[in-house]
Amino acid sequence: PKSTTHMVDLMLLKKLGYTENDVTLVAAGGISASLTMMEA
Protein backbone atom coordinates (compact mmCIF):
# COMPACT_ATOMS: atom_id res chain seq x y z
CA PRO A 1 0.00 0.00 0.00
CA LYS A 2 1.10 3.56 -0.91
CA SER A 3 3.99 2.22 -2.98
CA THR A 4 4.90 3.37 -6.48
CA THR A 5 3.33 0.25 -7.99
CA HIS A 6 0.12 0.94 -6.03
CA MET A 7 0.14 4.51 -7.32
CA VAL A 8 0.57 3.60 -10.98
CA ASP A 9 -2.16 0.93 -10.74
CA LEU A 10 -4.65 3.46 -9.39
CA MET A 11 -3.62 6.04 -11.97
CA LEU A 12 -4.12 3.43 -14.69
CA LEU A 13 -7.59 2.48 -13.46
CA LYS A 14 -8.54 6.15 -13.36
CA LYS A 15 -7.35 6.61 -16.94
CA LEU A 16 -9.25 3.52 -18.14
CA GLY A 17 -12.40 4.56 -16.29
CA TYR A 18 -12.32 1.45 -14.10
CA THR A 19 -12.86 1.22 -10.35
CA GLU A 20 -11.60 -1.35 -7.86
CA ASN A 21 -14.97 -3.04 -8.33
CA ASP A 22 -14.03 -3.61 -11.97
CA VAL A 23 -10.44 -4.66 -11.31
CA THR A 24 -9.35 -6.31 -8.06
CA LEU A 25 -6.13 -4.80 -6.76
CA VAL A 26 -4.00 -7.14 -4.64
CA ALA A 27 -1.20 -6.01 -2.30
CA ALA A 28 1.20 -8.93 -2.72
CA GLY A 29 3.86 -7.69 -0.30
CA GLY A 30 6.67 -7.52 -2.83
CA ILE A 31 7.69 -8.36 -6.38
CA SER A 32 8.72 -11.95 -5.64
CA ALA A 33 5.44 -12.56 -3.88
CA SER A 34 3.56 -11.08 -6.85
CA LEU A 35 5.27 -13.46 -9.26
CA THR A 36 4.60 -16.44 -6.98
CA MET A 37 0.92 -15.51 -6.71
CA MET A 38 0.65 -15.15 -10.48
CA GLU A 39 2.21 -18.58 -11.02
CA ALA A 40 -0.34 -20.02 -8.57
PDB file of all heavy atoms in Angstrom:
ATOM      1  N   PRO A   1       0.833  -1.215   0.000  1.00  0.00           N
ATOM      2  CA  PRO A   1       0.000   0.000   0.000  1.00  0.00           C
ATOM      3  C   PRO A   1       0.864   1.261   0.000  1.00  0.00           C
ATOM      4  O   PRO A   1       1.899   1.329   0.662  1.00  0.00           O
ATOM      5  CB  PRO A   1      -0.796  -0.130   1.310  1.00  0.00           C
ATOM      6  CG  PRO A   1      -0.868  -1.606   1.545  1.00  0.00           C
ATOM      7  CD  PRO A   1       0.448  -2.148   1.078  1.00  0.00           C
ATOM      8  N   LYS A   2       0.452   2.249  -0.789  1.00  0.00           N
ATOM      9  CA  LYS A   2       1.098   3.558  -0.908  1.00  0.00           C
ATOM     10  C   LYS A   2       2.452   3.492  -1.623  1.00  0.00           C
ATOM     11  O   LYS A   2       3.206   4.456  -1.616  1.00  0.00           O
ATOM     12  CB  LYS A   2       1.257   4.230   0.471  1.00  0.00           C
ATOM     13  CG  LYS A   2      -0.062   4.440   1.206  1.00  0.00           C
ATOM     14  CD  LYS A   2       0.136   5.139   2.534  1.00  0.00           C
ATOM     15  CE  LYS A   2      -1.200   5.293   3.259  1.00  0.00           C
ATOM     16  NZ  LYS A   2      -1.039   5.987   4.570  1.00  0.00           N
ATOM     17  N   SER A   3       2.746   2.363  -2.228  1.00  0.00           N
ATOM     18  CA  SER A   3       3.986   2.219  -2.978  1.00  0.00           C
ATOM     19  C   SER A   3       3.834   2.815  -4.380  1.00  0.00           C
ATOM     20  O   SER A   3       2.732   3.193  -4.803  1.00  0.00           O
ATOM     21  CB  SER A   3       4.359   0.742  -3.101  1.00  0.00           C
ATOM     22  OG  SER A   3       3.370   0.068  -3.878  1.00  0.00           O
ATOM     23  N   THR A   4       4.945   2.871  -5.109  1.00  0.00           N
ATOM     24  CA  THR A   4       4.895   3.369  -6.483  1.00  0.00           C
ATOM     25  C   THR A   4       4.029   2.470  -7.358  1.00  0.00           C
ATOM     26  O   THR A   4       3.252   2.962  -8.188  1.00  0.00           O
ATOM     27  CB  THR A   4       6.311   3.458  -7.073  1.00  0.00           C
ATOM     28  OG1 THR A   4       7.077   4.381  -6.297  1.00  0.00           O
ATOM     29  CG2 THR A   4       6.282   3.924  -8.513  1.00  0.00           C
ATOM     30  N   THR A   5       4.143   1.149  -7.175  1.00  0.00           N
ATOM     31  CA  THR A   5       3.328   0.248  -7.993  1.00  0.00           C
ATOM     32  C   THR A   5       1.840   0.409  -7.671  1.00  0.00           C
ATOM     33  O   THR A   5       0.987   0.312  -8.561  1.00  0.00           O
ATOM     34  CB  THR A   5       3.762  -1.221  -7.794  1.00  0.00           C
ATOM     35  OG1 THR A   5       3.826  -1.520  -6.392  1.00  0.00           O
ATOM     36  CG2 THR A   5       5.113  -1.470  -8.438  1.00  0.00           C
ATOM     37  N   HIS A   6       1.514   0.664  -6.403  1.00  0.00           N
ATOM     38  CA  HIS A   6       0.121   0.941  -6.026  1.00  0.00           C
ATOM     39  C   HIS A   6      -0.356   2.221  -6.718  1.00  0.00           C
ATOM     40  O   HIS A   6      -1.464   2.281  -7.272  1.00  0.00           O
ATOM     41  CB  HIS A   6       0.032   1.084  -4.504  1.00  0.00           C
ATOM     42  CG  HIS A   6      -1.367   1.162  -3.985  1.00  0.00           C
ATOM     43  ND1 HIS A   6      -1.662   1.644  -2.721  1.00  0.00           N
ATOM     44  CD2 HIS A   6      -2.565   0.855  -4.546  1.00  0.00           C
ATOM     45  CE1 HIS A   6      -2.962   1.592  -2.525  1.00  0.00           C
ATOM     46  NE2 HIS A   6      -3.539   1.122  -3.623  1.00  0.00           N
ATOM     47  N   MET A   7       0.492   3.235  -6.714  1.00  0.00           N
ATOM     48  CA  MET A   7       0.144   4.512  -7.322  1.00  0.00           C
ATOM     49  C   MET A   7      -0.133   4.369  -8.818  1.00  0.00           C
ATOM     50  O   MET A   7      -1.153   4.850  -9.323  1.00  0.00           O
ATOM     51  CB  MET A   7       1.251   5.533  -7.089  1.00  0.00           C
ATOM     52  CG  MET A   7       0.972   6.908  -7.685  1.00  0.00           C
ATOM     53  SD  MET A   7       2.279   8.123  -7.283  1.00  0.00           S
ATOM     54  CE  MET A   7       3.602   7.539  -8.355  1.00  0.00           C
ATOM     55  N   VAL A   8       0.761   3.687  -9.531  1.00  0.00           N
ATOM     56  CA  VAL A   8       0.567   3.597 -10.980  1.00  0.00           C
ATOM     57  C   VAL A   8      -0.643   2.728 -11.320  1.00  0.00           C
ATOM     58  O   VAL A   8      -1.325   2.971 -12.327  1.00  0.00           O
ATOM     59  CB  VAL A   8       1.838   3.092 -11.706  1.00  0.00           C
ATOM     60  CG1 VAL A   8       2.975   4.073 -11.508  1.00  0.00           C
ATOM     61  CG2 VAL A   8       2.233   1.697 -11.296  1.00  0.00           C
ATOM     62  N   ASP A   9      -0.948   1.739 -10.498  1.00  0.00           N
ATOM     63  CA  ASP A   9      -2.155   0.932 -10.736  1.00  0.00           C
ATOM     64  C   ASP A   9      -3.411   1.782 -10.620  1.00  0.00           C
ATOM     65  O   ASP A   9      -4.320   1.701 -11.462  1.00  0.00           O
ATOM     66  CB  ASP A   9      -2.220  -0.233  -9.746  1.00  0.00           C
ATOM     67  CG  ASP A   9      -1.318  -1.397 -10.136  1.00  0.00           C
ATOM     68  OD1 ASP A   9      -0.677  -1.324 -11.200  1.00  0.00           O
ATOM     69  OD2 ASP A   9      -1.257  -2.379  -9.366  1.00  0.00           O
ATOM     70  N   LEU A  10      -3.475   2.600  -9.570  1.00  0.00           N
ATOM     71  CA  LEU A  10      -4.652   3.461  -9.389  1.00  0.00           C
ATOM     72  C   LEU A  10      -4.744   4.522 -10.487  1.00  0.00           C
ATOM     73  O   LEU A  10      -5.841   4.840 -10.962  1.00  0.00           O
ATOM     74  CB  LEU A  10      -4.613   4.119  -8.007  1.00  0.00           C
ATOM     75  CG  LEU A  10      -4.881   3.189  -6.811  1.00  0.00           C
ATOM     76  CD1 LEU A  10      -4.721   3.946  -5.499  1.00  0.00           C
ATOM     77  CD2 LEU A  10      -6.283   2.585  -6.900  1.00  0.00           C
ATOM     78  N   MET A  11      -3.618   5.060 -10.884  1.00  0.00           N
ATOM     79  CA  MET A  11      -3.620   6.038 -11.973  1.00  0.00           C
ATOM     80  C   MET A  11      -4.082   5.390 -13.274  1.00  0.00           C
ATOM     81  O   MET A  11      -4.805   6.009 -14.075  1.00  0.00           O
ATOM     82  CB  MET A  11      -2.214   6.643 -12.137  1.00  0.00           C
ATOM     83  CG  MET A  11      -1.791   7.524 -10.966  1.00  0.00           C
ATOM     84  SD  MET A  11      -0.063   8.110 -11.073  1.00  0.00           S
ATOM     85  CE  MET A  11      -0.221   9.436 -12.279  1.00  0.00           C
ATOM     86  N   LEU A  12      -3.688   4.152 -13.494  1.00  0.00           N
ATOM     87  CA  LEU A  12      -4.118   3.435 -14.692  1.00  0.00           C
ATOM     88  C   LEU A  12      -5.624   3.207 -14.677  1.00  0.00           C
ATOM     89  O   LEU A  12      -6.311   3.449 -15.685  1.00  0.00           O
ATOM     90  CB  LEU A  12      -3.395   2.092 -14.792  1.00  0.00           C
ATOM     91  CG  LEU A  12      -3.863   1.197 -15.938  1.00  0.00           C
ATOM     92  CD1 LEU A  12      -3.493   1.814 -17.284  1.00  0.00           C
ATOM     93  CD2 LEU A  12      -3.290  -0.209 -15.804  1.00  0.00           C
ATOM     94  N   LEU A  13      -6.156   2.725 -13.548  1.00  0.00           N
ATOM     95  CA  LEU A  13      -7.593   2.480 -13.461  1.00  0.00           C
ATOM     96  C   LEU A  13      -8.385   3.762 -13.710  1.00  0.00           C
ATOM     97  O   LEU A  13      -9.413   3.754 -14.396  1.00  0.00           O
ATOM     98  CB  LEU A  13      -7.961   1.892 -12.091  1.00  0.00           C
ATOM     99  CG  LEU A  13      -7.405   0.513 -11.742  1.00  0.00           C
ATOM    100  CD1 LEU A  13      -8.067  -0.021 -10.479  1.00  0.00           C
ATOM    101  CD2 LEU A  13      -7.569  -0.469 -12.886  1.00  0.00           C
ATOM    102  N   LYS A  14      -7.886   4.865 -13.146  1.00  0.00           N
ATOM    103  CA  LYS A  14      -8.540   6.153 -13.361  1.00  0.00           C
ATOM    104  C   LYS A  14      -8.542   6.521 -14.840  1.00  0.00           C
ATOM    105  O   LYS A  14      -9.558   6.971 -15.384  1.00  0.00           O
ATOM    106  CB  LYS A  14      -7.831   7.238 -12.546  1.00  0.00           C
ATOM    107  CG  LYS A  14      -8.494   8.606 -12.638  1.00  0.00           C
ATOM    108  CD  LYS A  14      -7.770   9.614 -11.744  1.00  0.00           C
ATOM    109  CE  LYS A  14      -8.414  10.989 -11.850  1.00  0.00           C
ATOM    110  NZ  LYS A  14      -7.712  11.986 -10.999  1.00  0.00           N
ATOM    111  N   LYS A  15      -7.441   6.302 -15.516  1.00  0.00           N
ATOM    112  CA  LYS A  15      -7.351   6.610 -16.941  1.00  0.00           C
ATOM    113  C   LYS A  15      -8.306   5.738 -17.749  1.00  0.00           C
ATOM    114  O   LYS A  15      -8.967   6.211 -18.686  1.00  0.00           O
ATOM    115  CB  LYS A  15      -5.919   6.394 -17.430  1.00  0.00           C
ATOM    116  CG  LYS A  15      -5.770   6.623 -18.935  1.00  0.00           C
ATOM    117  CD  LYS A  15      -4.448   6.160 -19.472  1.00  0.00           C
ATOM    118  CE  LYS A  15      -4.426   6.286 -20.996  1.00  0.00           C
ATOM    119  NZ  LYS A  15      -3.173   5.780 -21.596  1.00  0.00           N
ATOM    120  N   LEU A  16      -8.403   4.456 -17.406  1.00  0.00           N
ATOM    121  CA  LEU A  16      -9.254   3.524 -18.144  1.00  0.00           C
ATOM    122  C   LEU A  16     -10.734   3.674 -17.799  1.00  0.00           C
ATOM    123  O   LEU A  16     -11.593   3.116 -18.478  1.00  0.00           O
ATOM    124  CB  LEU A  16      -8.817   2.083 -17.867  1.00  0.00           C
ATOM    125  CG  LEU A  16      -7.422   1.675 -18.355  1.00  0.00           C
ATOM    126  CD1 LEU A  16      -7.081   0.273 -17.861  1.00  0.00           C
ATOM    127  CD2 LEU A  16      -7.342   1.739 -19.872  1.00  0.00           C
ATOM    128  N   GLY A  17     -11.012   4.408 -16.717  1.00  0.00           N
ATOM    129  CA  GLY A  17     -12.405   4.560 -16.293  1.00  0.00           C
ATOM    130  C   GLY A  17     -12.901   3.378 -15.484  1.00  0.00           C
ATOM    131  O   GLY A  17     -14.111   3.181 -15.333  1.00  0.00           O
ATOM    132  N   TYR A  18     -11.967   2.593 -14.929  1.00  0.00           N
ATOM    133  CA  TYR A  18     -12.324   1.449 -14.105  1.00  0.00           C
ATOM    134  C   TYR A  18     -12.232   1.808 -12.626  1.00  0.00           C
ATOM    135  O   TYR A  18     -11.508   2.729 -12.234  1.00  0.00           O
ATOM    136  CB  TYR A  18     -11.375   0.271 -14.364  1.00  0.00           C
ATOM    137  CG  TYR A  18     -11.504  -0.367 -15.727  1.00  0.00           C
ATOM    138  CD1 TYR A  18     -10.480  -1.157 -16.237  1.00  0.00           C
ATOM    139  CD2 TYR A  18     -12.645  -0.201 -16.510  1.00  0.00           C
ATOM    140  CE1 TYR A  18     -10.573  -1.755 -17.484  1.00  0.00           C
ATOM    141  CE2 TYR A  18     -12.757  -0.790 -17.754  1.00  0.00           C
ATOM    142  CZ  TYR A  18     -11.719  -1.563 -18.241  1.00  0.00           C
ATOM    143  OH  TYR A  18     -11.816  -2.158 -19.476  1.00  0.00           O
ATOM    144  N   THR A  19     -12.961   1.073 -11.801  1.00  0.00           N
ATOM    145  CA  THR A  19     -12.857   1.215 -10.354  1.00  0.00           C
ATOM    146  C   THR A  19     -12.302  -0.087  -9.786  1.00  0.00           C
ATOM    147  O   THR A  19     -12.109  -1.067 -10.519  1.00  0.00           O
ATOM    148  CB  THR A  19     -14.228   1.494  -9.709  1.00  0.00           C
ATOM    149  OG1 THR A  19     -15.036   0.296  -9.832  1.00  0.00           O
ATOM    150  CG2 THR A  19     -14.930   2.658 -10.397  1.00  0.00           C
ATOM    151  N   GLU A  20     -12.096  -0.120  -8.490  1.00  0.00           N
ATOM    152  CA  GLU A  20     -11.602  -1.345  -7.862  1.00  0.00           C
ATOM    153  C   GLU A  20     -12.698  -2.403  -7.775  1.00  0.00           C
ATOM    154  O   GLU A  20     -12.441  -3.528  -7.353  1.00  0.00           O
ATOM    155  CB  GLU A  20     -11.005  -1.031  -6.493  1.00  0.00           C
ATOM    156  CG  GLU A  20      -9.723  -0.228  -6.591  1.00  0.00           C
ATOM    157  CD  GLU A  20      -9.026  -0.023  -5.267  1.00  0.00           C
ATOM    158  OE1 GLU A  20      -8.697  -1.041  -4.613  1.00  0.00           O
ATOM    159  OE2 GLU A  20      -8.811   1.133  -4.876  1.00  0.00           O
ATOM    160  N   ASN A  21     -13.924  -2.041  -8.171  1.00  0.00           N
ATOM    161  CA  ASN A  21     -14.970  -3.042  -8.329  1.00  0.00           C
ATOM    162  C   ASN A  21     -14.836  -3.738  -9.680  1.00  0.00           C
ATOM    163  O   ASN A  21     -15.280  -4.880  -9.847  1.00  0.00           O
ATOM    164  CB  ASN A  21     -16.360  -2.398  -8.226  1.00  0.00           C
ATOM    165  CG  ASN A  21     -16.670  -1.906  -6.831  1.00  0.00           C
ATOM    166  OD1 ASN A  21     -16.266  -2.526  -5.844  1.00  0.00           O
ATOM    167  ND2 ASN A  21     -17.371  -0.780  -6.726  1.00  0.00           N
ATOM    168  N   ASP A  22     -14.245  -3.027 -10.642  1.00  0.00           N
ATOM    169  CA  ASP A  22     -14.034  -3.610 -11.973  1.00  0.00           C
ATOM    170  C   ASP A  22     -12.766  -4.455 -12.024  1.00  0.00           C
ATOM    171  O   ASP A  22     -12.713  -5.495 -12.690  1.00  0.00           O
ATOM    172  CB  ASP A  22     -13.916  -2.497 -13.024  1.00  0.00           C
ATOM    173  CG  ASP A  22     -15.167  -1.643 -13.129  1.00  0.00           C
ATOM    174  OD1 ASP A  22     -16.273  -2.228 -13.166  1.00  0.00           O
ATOM    175  OD2 ASP A  22     -15.040  -0.404 -13.163  1.00  0.00           O
ATOM    176  N   VAL A  23     -11.733  -3.976 -11.343  1.00  0.00           N
ATOM    177  CA  VAL A  23     -10.442  -4.663 -11.307  1.00  0.00           C
ATOM    178  C   VAL A  23     -10.045  -4.842  -9.843  1.00  0.00           C
ATOM    179  O   VAL A  23      -9.997  -3.872  -9.085  1.00  0.00           O
ATOM    180  CB  VAL A  23      -9.351  -3.856 -12.045  1.00  0.00           C
ATOM    181  CG1 VAL A  23      -8.016  -4.588 -11.981  1.00  0.00           C
ATOM    182  CG2 VAL A  23      -9.751  -3.582 -13.487  1.00  0.00           C
ATOM    183  N   THR A  24      -9.752  -6.053  -9.442  1.00  0.00           N
ATOM    184  CA  THR A  24      -9.353  -6.314  -8.061  1.00  0.00           C
ATOM    185  C   THR A  24      -7.861  -6.064  -7.898  1.00  0.00           C
ATOM    186  O   THR A  24      -7.031  -6.706  -8.549  1.00  0.00           O
ATOM    187  CB  THR A  24      -9.663  -7.774  -7.664  1.00  0.00           C
ATOM    188  OG1 THR A  24     -11.058  -8.025  -7.848  1.00  0.00           O
ATOM    189  CG2 THR A  24      -9.285  -8.019  -6.212  1.00  0.00           C
ATOM    190  N   LEU A  25      -7.533  -5.094  -7.042  1.00  0.00           N
ATOM    191  CA  LEU A  25      -6.128  -4.803  -6.758  1.00  0.00           C
ATOM    192  C   LEU A  25      -5.666  -5.628  -5.556  1.00  0.00           C
ATOM    193  O   LEU A  25      -6.356  -5.689  -4.534  1.00  0.00           O
ATOM    194  CB  LEU A  25      -5.931  -3.317  -6.472  1.00  0.00           C
ATOM    195  CG  LEU A  25      -6.197  -2.352  -7.635  1.00  0.00           C
ATOM    196  CD1 LEU A  25      -5.878  -0.923  -7.229  1.00  0.00           C
ATOM    197  CD2 LEU A  25      -5.372  -2.738  -8.864  1.00  0.00           C
ATOM    198  N   VAL A  26      -4.505  -6.253  -5.689  1.00  0.00           N
ATOM    199  CA  VAL A  26      -3.996  -7.136  -4.643  1.00  0.00           C
ATOM    200  C   VAL A  26      -2.622  -6.656  -4.185  1.00  0.00           C
ATOM    201  O   VAL A  26      -1.695  -6.534  -4.991  1.00  0.00           O
ATOM    202  CB  VAL A  26      -3.870  -8.586  -5.158  1.00  0.00           C
ATOM    203  CG1 VAL A  26      -3.315  -9.492  -4.060  1.00  0.00           C
ATOM    204  CG2 VAL A  26      -5.218  -9.092  -5.659  1.00  0.00           C
ATOM    205  N   ALA A  27      -2.496  -6.375  -2.881  1.00  0.00           N
ATOM    206  CA  ALA A  27      -1.197  -6.013  -2.298  1.00  0.00           C
ATOM    207  C   ALA A  27      -0.454  -7.309  -1.997  1.00  0.00           C
ATOM    208  O   ALA A  27      -0.752  -8.002  -1.025  1.00  0.00           O
ATOM    209  CB  ALA A  27      -1.386  -5.193  -1.036  1.00  0.00           C
ATOM    210  N   ALA A  28       0.528  -7.637  -2.837  1.00  0.00           N
ATOM    211  CA  ALA A  28       1.202  -8.933  -2.723  1.00  0.00           C
ATOM    212  C   ALA A  28       2.295  -8.946  -1.667  1.00  0.00           C
ATOM    213  O   ALA A  28       2.702 -10.009  -1.199  1.00  0.00           O
ATOM    214  CB  ALA A  28       1.787  -9.328  -4.076  1.00  0.00           C
ATOM    215  N   GLY A  29       2.803  -7.746  -1.296  1.00  0.00           N
ATOM    216  CA  GLY A  29       3.857  -7.688  -0.296  1.00  0.00           C
ATOM    217  C   GLY A  29       5.254  -7.620  -0.878  1.00  0.00           C
ATOM    218  O   GLY A  29       6.237  -7.579  -0.135  1.00  0.00           O
ATOM    219  N   GLY A  30       5.356  -7.600  -2.185  1.00  0.00           N
ATOM    220  CA  GLY A  30       6.665  -7.518  -2.826  1.00  0.00           C
ATOM    221  C   GLY A  30       6.614  -8.113  -4.221  1.00  0.00           C
ATOM    222  O   GLY A  30       5.636  -8.772  -4.598  1.00  0.00           O
ATOM    223  N   ILE A  31       7.661  -7.884  -5.000  1.00  0.00           N
ATOM    224  CA  ILE A  31       7.689  -8.358  -6.377  1.00  0.00           C
ATOM    225  C   ILE A  31       7.744  -9.886  -6.438  1.00  0.00           C
ATOM    226  O   ILE A  31       7.017 -10.525  -7.206  1.00  0.00           O
ATOM    227  CB  ILE A  31       8.884  -7.752  -7.138  1.00  0.00           C
ATOM    228  CG1 ILE A  31       8.798  -6.223  -7.117  1.00  0.00           C
ATOM    229  CG2 ILE A  31       8.908  -8.263  -8.571  1.00  0.00           C
ATOM    230  CD1 ILE A  31       7.511  -5.654  -7.649  1.00  0.00           C
ATOM    231  N   SER A  32       8.613 -10.482  -5.630  1.00  0.00           N
ATOM    232  CA  SER A  32       8.722 -11.949  -5.639  1.00  0.00           C
ATOM    233  C   SER A  32       7.398 -12.600  -5.279  1.00  0.00           C
ATOM    234  O   SER A  32       6.984 -13.587  -5.905  1.00  0.00           O
ATOM    235  CB  SER A  32       9.808 -12.406  -4.662  1.00  0.00           C
ATOM    236  OG  SER A  32      11.073 -11.970  -5.072  1.00  0.00           O
ATOM    237  N   ALA A  33       6.739 -12.019  -4.283  1.00  0.00           N
ATOM    238  CA  ALA A  33       5.439 -12.560  -3.883  1.00  0.00           C
ATOM    239  C   ALA A  33       4.419 -12.402  -4.999  1.00  0.00           C
ATOM    240  O   ALA A  33       3.578 -13.296  -5.220  1.00  0.00           O
ATOM    241  CB  ALA A  33       4.955 -11.853  -2.612  1.00  0.00           C
ATOM    242  N   SER A  34       4.476 -11.289  -5.726  1.00  0.00           N
ATOM    243  CA  SER A  34       3.558 -11.076  -6.850  1.00  0.00           C
ATOM    244  C   SER A  34       3.736 -12.155  -7.906  1.00  0.00           C
ATOM    245  O   SER A  34       2.765 -12.714  -8.430  1.00  0.00           O
ATOM    246  CB  SER A  34       3.806  -9.702  -7.494  1.00  0.00           C
ATOM    247  OG  SER A  34       3.453  -8.655  -6.628  1.00  0.00           O
ATOM    248  N   LEU A  35       4.990 -12.453  -8.231  1.00  0.00           N
ATOM    249  CA  LEU A  35       5.268 -13.465  -9.258  1.00  0.00           C
ATOM    250  C   LEU A  35       4.806 -14.846  -8.806  1.00  0.00           C
ATOM    251  O   LEU A  35       4.239 -15.624  -9.587  1.00  0.00           O
ATOM    252  CB  LEU A  35       6.761 -13.480  -9.569  1.00  0.00           C
ATOM    253  CG  LEU A  35       7.333 -12.193 -10.175  1.00  0.00           C
ATOM    254  CD1 LEU A  35       8.854 -12.293 -10.308  1.00  0.00           C
ATOM    255  CD2 LEU A  35       6.701 -11.888 -11.525  1.00  0.00           C
ATOM    256  N   THR A  36       5.032 -15.144  -7.520  1.00  0.00           N
ATOM    257  CA  THR A  36       4.595 -16.436  -6.983  1.00  0.00           C
ATOM    258  C   THR A  36       3.078 -16.564  -7.043  1.00  0.00           C
ATOM    259  O   THR A  36       2.535 -17.617  -7.431  1.00  0.00           O
ATOM    260  CB  THR A  36       5.072 -16.599  -5.523  1.00  0.00           C
ATOM    261  OG1 THR A  36       6.500 -16.540  -5.487  1.00  0.00           O
ATOM    262  CG2 THR A  36       4.609 -17.921  -4.938  1.00  0.00           C
ATOM    263  N   MET A  37       2.384 -15.493  -6.676  1.00  0.00           N
ATOM    264  CA  MET A  37       0.922 -15.506  -6.711  1.00  0.00           C
ATOM    265  C   MET A  37       0.408 -15.661  -8.136  1.00  0.00           C
ATOM    266  O   MET A  37      -0.579 -16.362  -8.385  1.00  0.00           O
ATOM    267  CB  MET A  37       0.370 -14.225  -6.082  1.00  0.00           C
ATOM    268  CG  MET A  37       0.553 -14.149  -4.579  1.00  0.00           C
ATOM    269  SD  MET A  37      -0.042 -12.566  -3.884  1.00  0.00           S
ATOM    270  CE  MET A  37      -1.807 -12.761  -4.097  1.00  0.00           C
ATOM    271  N   MET A  38       1.081 -15.025  -9.090  1.00  0.00           N
ATOM    272  CA  MET A  38       0.649 -15.146 -10.482  1.00  0.00           C
ATOM    273  C   MET A  38       0.848 -16.579 -10.976  1.00  0.00           C
ATOM    274  O   MET A  38      -0.012 -17.135 -11.673  1.00  0.00           O
ATOM    275  CB  MET A  38       1.402 -14.160 -11.368  1.00  0.00           C
ATOM    276  CG  MET A  38       0.926 -14.179 -12.820  1.00  0.00           C
ATOM    277  SD  MET A  38       1.462 -12.747 -13.791  1.00  0.00           S
ATOM    278  CE  MET A  38       3.237 -13.036 -13.877  1.00  0.00           C
ATOM    279  N   GLU A  39       1.963 -17.198 -10.618  1.00  0.00           N
ATOM    280  CA  GLU A  39       2.211 -18.584 -11.017  1.00  0.00           C
ATOM    281  C   GLU A  39       1.145 -19.516 -10.447  1.00  0.00           C
ATOM    282  O   GLU A  39       0.758 -20.500 -11.083  1.00  0.00           O
ATOM    283  CB  GLU A  39       3.602 -19.025 -10.541  1.00  0.00           C
ATOM    284  CG  GLU A  39       4.766 -18.364 -11.256  1.00  0.00           C
ATOM    285  CD  GLU A  39       4.784 -18.685 -12.741  1.00  0.00           C
ATOM    286  OE1 GLU A  39       4.413 -19.816 -13.122  1.00  0.00           O
ATOM    287  OE2 GLU A  39       5.162 -17.793 -13.530  1.00  0.00           O
ATOM    288  N   ALA A  40       0.664 -19.179  -9.226  1.00  0.00           N
ATOM    289  CA  ALA A  40      -0.338 -20.023  -8.573  1.00  0.00           C
ATOM    290  C   ALA A  40      -1.761 -19.691  -9.007  1.00  0.00           C
ATOM    291  O   ALA A  40      -2.713 -20.347  -8.573  1.00  0.00           O
ATOM    292  CB  ALA A  40      -0.218 -19.871  -7.060  1.00  0.00           C
TER     293      ALA A  40
END
